[in-house]
Amino acid sequence: MTRSVSAKALGRSTGTERTLTVLIGLVALLGGAAVLVVGAGWLGTYRANRSLVDPIALDWLVRNALAARIGAIVLGVLLLWLGLWWFSRSLRPEGRPDLELDDDLVVTSSAISDAVRLDAETIDGVGRARVRAVGDKENPALRITLWLVEGTDLKRVWEQLDLTVLARARESLGVDVLPTAVRIELDTTAPQRVR
């Protein structure tokens, strides 16, 4: 099984957001470094005193005003589209797969989550459970949070979860592999008074 399929159980990938952020940061860093180099006079004594835009470039822009305006508009529209795409992708909720078992039978992600949650709560020592089906139709995955009662044998809970709950889920869904991220917490009880 590939690592990317198993990673879907842990959380949504932020690779695209990170890549775009790093690229924008590198462009800003290089631009700032260029301004520092020119301002310090490392490219010539009088270059730091010159105008920001080179006079030759200004003359070219004046001679080709229509092409410069069209290029600026196209660049602005592309940057606007990229920003809106990035914004919508970042805010899009994570997919919850509905699995199509037969032509007429579709199991919703909430049904999968509820069934696995109810099954996990039958394990001795599990106070409550929360389950979320994630991933996509081709590669479903589960995120399970178990709250254990104090004094529970963790090894026994883990074995029962793997051998009964997850085995039953894989069999019911007709998949050989069902990546699962399990988070275990201690179920808090009412606070006790110290005497």
Protein backbone atom coordinates (compact mmCIF):
# COMPACT_ATOMS: atom_id res chain seq x y z
CA MET A 1 0.00 0.00 0.00
CA THR A 2 1.38 3.39 -0.86
CA ARG A 3 2.17 5.93 1.79
CA SER A 4 -0.17 8.55 0.28
CA VAL A 5 -3.21 6.30 0.69
CA SER A 6 -2.40 5.63 4.34
CA ALA A 7 -1.70 9.31 4.96
CA LYS A 8 -5.31 10.15 4.06
CA ALA A 9 -6.39 8.66 7.36
CA LEU A 10 -4.18 11.11 9.25
CA GLY A 11 -5.33 14.34 7.66
CA ARG A 12 -5.85 16.35 4.55
CA SER A 13 -2.70 17.06 2.60
CA THR A 14 -1.47 20.61 2.72
CA GLY A 15 1.25 20.07 0.11
CA THR A 16 -0.22 22.48 -2.46
CA GLU A 17 -0.70 25.28 0.07
CA ARG A 18 2.82 24.80 1.41
CA THR A 19 4.35 24.73 -2.07
CA LEU A 20 2.58 27.92 -3.15
CA THR A 21 3.49 29.65 0.11
CA VAL A 22 7.16 28.69 -0.28
CA LEU A 23 7.24 29.88 -3.90
CA ILE A 24 5.65 33.23 -3.04
CA GLY A 25 8.03 33.58 -0.10
CA LEU A 26 11.05 32.85 -2.32
CA VAL A 27 9.94 35.45 -4.89
CA ALA A 28 9.48 38.05 -2.12
CA LEU A 29 12.85 37.11 -0.57
CA LEU A 30 14.67 37.41 -3.91
CA GLY A 31 12.97 40.73 -4.63
CA GLY A 32 13.96 42.08 -1.23
CA ALA A 33 17.53 40.86 -1.66
CA ALA A 34 17.73 42.56 -5.07
CA VAL A 35 16.52 45.84 -3.56
CA LEU A 36 19.12 45.58 -0.79
CA VAL A 37 21.93 44.84 -3.26
CA VAL A 38 21.00 47.81 -5.47
CA GLY A 39 20.41 50.12 -2.49
CA ALA A 40 23.76 49.24 -0.94
CA GLY A 41 25.50 50.22 -4.16
CA TRP A 42 27.01 46.80 -4.87
CA LEU A 43 25.93 47.02 -8.53
CA GLY A 44 27.42 50.46 -9.06
CA THR A 45 27.88 53.65 -7.15
CA TYR A 46 25.13 55.66 -8.86
CA ARG A 47 22.57 52.86 -9.44
CA ALA A 48 21.09 53.37 -5.95
CA ASN A 49 20.37 57.03 -6.79
CA ARG A 50 18.56 56.22 -10.05
CA SER A 51 14.78 55.97 -10.37
CA LEU A 52 13.10 52.70 -9.47
CA VAL A 53 12.12 51.89 -13.05
CA ASP A 54 14.89 52.13 -15.63
CA PRO A 55 14.38 54.98 -18.17
CA ILE A 56 14.92 52.54 -21.06
CA ALA A 57 12.09 50.36 -19.70
CA LEU A 58 9.87 53.45 -19.32
CA ASP A 59 10.55 54.47 -22.94
CA TRP A 60 9.63 50.96 -24.12
CA LEU A 61 6.39 51.05 -22.07
CA VAL A 62 5.46 54.43 -23.59
CA ARG A 63 6.11 53.17 -27.15
CA ASN A 64 4.17 49.92 -26.53
CA ALA A 65 1.44 51.20 -24.22
CA LEU A 66 -1.34 48.99 -25.60
CA ALA A 67 0.70 45.77 -25.30
CA ALA A 68 1.84 46.75 -21.80
CA ARG A 69 -1.74 47.40 -20.66
CA ILE A 70 -2.98 44.12 -22.13
CA GLY A 71 -0.10 42.26 -20.48
CA ALA A 72 -0.82 43.92 -17.11
CA ILE A 73 -4.54 43.06 -17.37
CA VAL A 74 -3.83 39.43 -18.31
CA LEU A 75 -1.31 39.11 -15.46
CA GLY A 76 -3.78 40.66 -13.01
CA VAL A 77 -6.59 38.33 -14.09
CA LEU A 78 -4.28 35.30 -13.79
CA LEU A 79 -3.16 36.35 -10.31
CA LEU A 80 -6.79 36.96 -9.27
CA TRP A 81 -7.82 33.52 -10.57
CA LEU A 82 -4.88 31.87 -8.79
CA GLY A 83 -5.75 33.63 -5.52
CA LEU A 84 -9.43 32.67 -5.71
CA TRP A 85 -8.54 29.06 -6.57
CA TRP A 86 -6.11 28.89 -3.66
CA PHE A 87 -8.66 30.45 -1.29
CA SER A 88 -11.48 28.08 -2.29
CA ARG A 89 -9.22 25.02 -2.16
CA SER A 90 -8.02 25.94 1.33
CA LEU A 91 -11.56 26.39 2.65
CA ARG A 92 -13.10 23.37 0.92
CA PRO A 93 -14.26 20.80 3.46
CA GLU A 94 -12.60 17.44 3.48
CA GLY A 95 -14.35 14.80 1.42
CA ARG A 96 -16.46 12.16 3.10
CA PRO A 97 -16.77 9.22 0.73
CA ASP A 98 -20.02 7.44 -0.02
CA LEU A 99 -19.15 3.91 -1.14
CA GLU A 100 -20.99 2.21 -3.98
CA LEU A 101 -21.04 -1.47 -3.09
CA ASP A 102 -23.35 -2.59 -5.91
CA ASP A 103 -25.18 -0.84 -8.73
CA ASP A 104 -28.16 -0.19 -6.44
CA LEU A 105 -26.44 -0.04 -3.04
CA VAL A 106 -24.66 3.08 -1.82
CA VAL A 107 -23.40 3.33 1.75
CA THR A 108 -23.07 6.91 3.00
CA SER A 109 -20.06 8.08 4.99
CA SER A 110 -22.26 8.85 8.00
CA ALA A 111 -23.63 5.28 7.94
CA ILE A 112 -20.08 3.92 7.83
CA SER A 113 -19.01 6.20 10.68
CA ASP A 114 -22.03 5.36 12.85
CA ALA A 115 -21.66 1.62 12.31
CA VAL A 116 -17.95 1.59 13.19
CA ARG A 117 -18.56 3.92 16.17
CA LEU A 118 -21.29 1.69 17.60
CA ASP A 119 -19.12 -1.37 17.06
CA ALA A 120 -16.11 0.27 18.73
CA GLU A 121 -18.17 1.31 21.76
CA THR A 122 -18.94 -2.37 22.48
CA ILE A 123 -15.27 -3.03 23.29
CA ASP A 124 -14.71 -3.44 27.03
CA GLY A 125 -13.02 -0.37 28.44
CA VAL A 126 -14.12 2.04 25.71
CA GLY A 127 -16.28 4.76 27.23
CA ARG A 128 -17.15 6.45 23.95
CA ALA A 129 -15.88 6.66 20.40
CA ARG A 130 -15.91 9.09 17.49
CA VAL A 131 -15.40 7.86 13.93
CA ARG A 132 -15.06 9.79 10.69
CA ALA A 133 -14.90 8.30 7.21
CA VAL A 134 -12.45 10.24 5.03
CA GLY A 135 -10.61 9.84 1.75
CA ASP A 136 -12.39 9.16 -1.52
CA LYS A 137 -14.49 6.40 -3.10
CA GLU A 138 -11.47 4.51 -4.40
CA ASN A 139 -9.41 4.79 -1.18
CA PRO A 140 -11.61 5.20 1.90
CA ALA A 141 -10.01 5.65 5.29
CA LEU A 142 -11.14 6.05 8.89
CA ARG A 143 -10.25 8.34 11.77
CA ILE A 144 -11.16 6.87 15.12
CA THR A 145 -10.95 8.54 18.52
CA LEU A 146 -11.46 6.25 21.52
CA TRP A 147 -11.97 7.47 25.07
CA LEU A 148 -10.88 4.72 27.44
CA VAL A 149 -12.08 4.15 30.96
CA GLU A 150 -9.35 4.43 33.59
CA GLY A 151 -7.59 1.12 34.21
CA THR A 152 -8.36 -0.35 30.77
CA ASP A 153 -5.85 -2.73 29.21
CA LEU A 154 -4.73 -0.81 26.11
CA LYS A 155 -3.24 -3.87 24.39
CA ARG A 156 -6.54 -5.77 24.67
CA VAL A 157 -8.52 -2.80 23.33
CA TRP A 158 -6.11 -2.46 20.40
CA GLU A 159 -6.40 -6.18 19.56
CA GLN A 160 -10.20 -6.13 19.73
CA LEU A 161 -10.33 -3.00 17.60
CA ASP A 162 -8.16 -4.58 14.91
CA LEU A 163 -9.50 -8.13 15.02
CA THR A 164 -13.21 -7.38 15.36
CA VAL A 165 -14.21 -3.80 14.57
CA LEU A 166 -11.84 -3.02 11.69
CA ALA A 167 -12.00 -6.57 10.30
CA ARG A 168 -15.80 -6.33 10.24
CA ALA A 169 -15.62 -2.90 8.58
CA ARG A 170 -13.22 -4.15 5.87
CA GLU A 171 -15.42 -7.18 5.22
CA SER A 172 -18.64 -5.13 5.11
CA LEU A 173 -17.16 -2.56 2.74
CA GLY A 174 -15.51 -5.17 0.55
CA VAL A 175 -12.01 -3.71 0.82
CA ASP A 176 -8.78 -5.52 1.65
CA VAL A 177 -7.11 -2.46 3.18
CA LEU A 178 -8.79 0.25 5.23
CA PRO A 179 -6.22 2.80 6.44
CA THR A 180 -7.14 3.93 9.93
CA ALA A 181 -5.73 6.59 12.23
CA VAL A 182 -6.55 5.81 15.87
CA ARG A 183 -6.34 8.40 18.63
CA ILE A 184 -6.69 7.18 22.18
CA GLU A 185 -7.57 9.40 25.12
CA LEU A 186 -8.43 8.83 28.75
CA ASP A 187 -12.11 9.40 29.43
CA THR A 188 -12.40 12.01 32.15
CA THR A 189 -14.81 11.37 34.98
CA ALA A 190 -16.29 13.79 37.45
CA PRO A 191 -13.57 15.55 39.45
CA GLN A 192 -12.88 14.02 42.84
CA ARG A 193 -12.49 16.12 45.96
CA VAL A 194 -9.24 15.88 47.83
CA ARG A 195 -9.69 15.31 51.57
